[in-house]
Protein backbone atom coordinates (compact mmCIF):
# COMPACT_ATOMS: atom_id res chain seq x y z
CA ASN A 1 21.62 -21.83 -12.57
CA PRO A 2 19.12 -18.96 -12.83
CA GLU A 3 16.29 -20.88 -11.16
CA SER A 4 18.37 -21.69 -8.09
CA THR A 5 19.42 -18.03 -7.85
CA ILE A 6 15.79 -16.91 -8.02
CA GLN A 7 14.80 -19.41 -5.31
CA ALA A 8 17.72 -18.39 -3.10
CA TYR A 9 16.65 -14.74 -3.29
CA ARG A 10 13.04 -15.65 -2.55
CA THR A 11 14.14 -17.48 0.58
CA TYR A 12 16.56 -14.70 1.56
CA ASN A 13 13.82 -12.06 1.13
CA GLN A 14 11.39 -14.10 3.22
CA ILE A 15 13.95 -14.23 6.02
CA LEU A 16 14.65 -10.49 5.76
CA LYS A 17 10.93 -9.70 5.82
CA ARG A 18 10.43 -11.84 8.94
CA VAL A 19 13.39 -10.22 10.71
CA ALA A 20 12.15 -6.74 9.77
CA GLN A 21 8.73 -7.54 11.24
CA GLN A 22 10.33 -8.85 14.44
CA LYS A 23 12.50 -5.73 14.72
CA ASN A 24 9.59 -3.45 13.79
CA VAL A 25 11.40 -1.86 10.86
CA ASN A 26 10.21 -1.27 7.31
CA TYR A 27 10.99 -3.82 4.64
CA VAL A 28 10.88 -3.03 0.94
CA ASP A 29 11.30 -5.90 -1.51
CA VAL A 30 12.75 -3.80 -4.31
CA ARG A 31 13.60 -6.87 -6.34
CA SER A 32 9.89 -7.52 -6.80
CA VAL A 33 9.19 -4.03 -8.20
CA VAL A 34 11.98 -4.04 -10.79
CA PRO A 35 10.71 -5.69 -13.99
CA SER A 36 12.57 -8.80 -15.14
CA ASP A 37 13.32 -7.16 -18.50
CA PRO A 38 17.09 -7.20 -19.25
CA GLN A 39 17.14 -3.41 -19.61
CA TYR A 40 16.91 -3.22 -15.79
CA TRP A 41 19.44 -5.91 -14.87
CA GLY A 42 23.18 -6.27 -15.38
CA ASP A 43 22.99 -9.86 -14.19
CA ALA A 44 20.81 -11.93 -11.86
CA THR A 45 21.83 -9.81 -8.86
CA HIS A 46 22.79 -6.30 -9.95
CA PHE A 47 20.60 -3.55 -11.36
CA LEU A 48 21.51 -1.38 -14.31
CA GLU A 49 20.79 2.36 -14.04
CA PRO A 50 17.07 2.02 -14.90
CA GLY A 51 16.66 -0.71 -12.25
CA SER A 52 18.55 1.40 -9.71
CA THR A 53 16.25 4.33 -10.46
CA ILE A 54 13.14 2.25 -9.79
CA THR A 55 14.77 0.92 -6.62
CA ALA A 56 15.62 4.41 -5.34
CA GLN A 57 12.13 5.72 -6.11
CA THR A 58 10.53 2.75 -4.34
CA ILE A 59 12.66 3.21 -1.22
CA ALA A 60 12.04 6.97 -1.19
CA LYS A 61 8.28 6.42 -1.43
CA GLU A 62 8.41 3.99 1.50
CA ILE A 63 10.41 6.45 3.60
CA ILE A 64 7.90 9.21 2.85
CA ARG A 65 4.95 6.89 3.52
CA SER A 66 6.37 5.75 6.85
CA ARG A 67 7.07 9.36 7.91
CA LEU A 68 3.47 10.31 7.15
CA ILE A 69 2.22 7.49 9.35
CA GLU A 70 4.35 8.49 12.35
């Protein structure tokens, strides 16, 4: 059901964030920046083009931010 999918992704993202911190690499939770509006999602897992655009912009901003810090 949708609620179990949401909880599974929350748990999965928590694990990924912890591993990223341990490995000293950047972590970007793009799922949290894409609005839940159906115009951004094809289903509970996959973005439509507008969601992919937000995802790409978010990742690009993080890459630029991390390069400025180095």
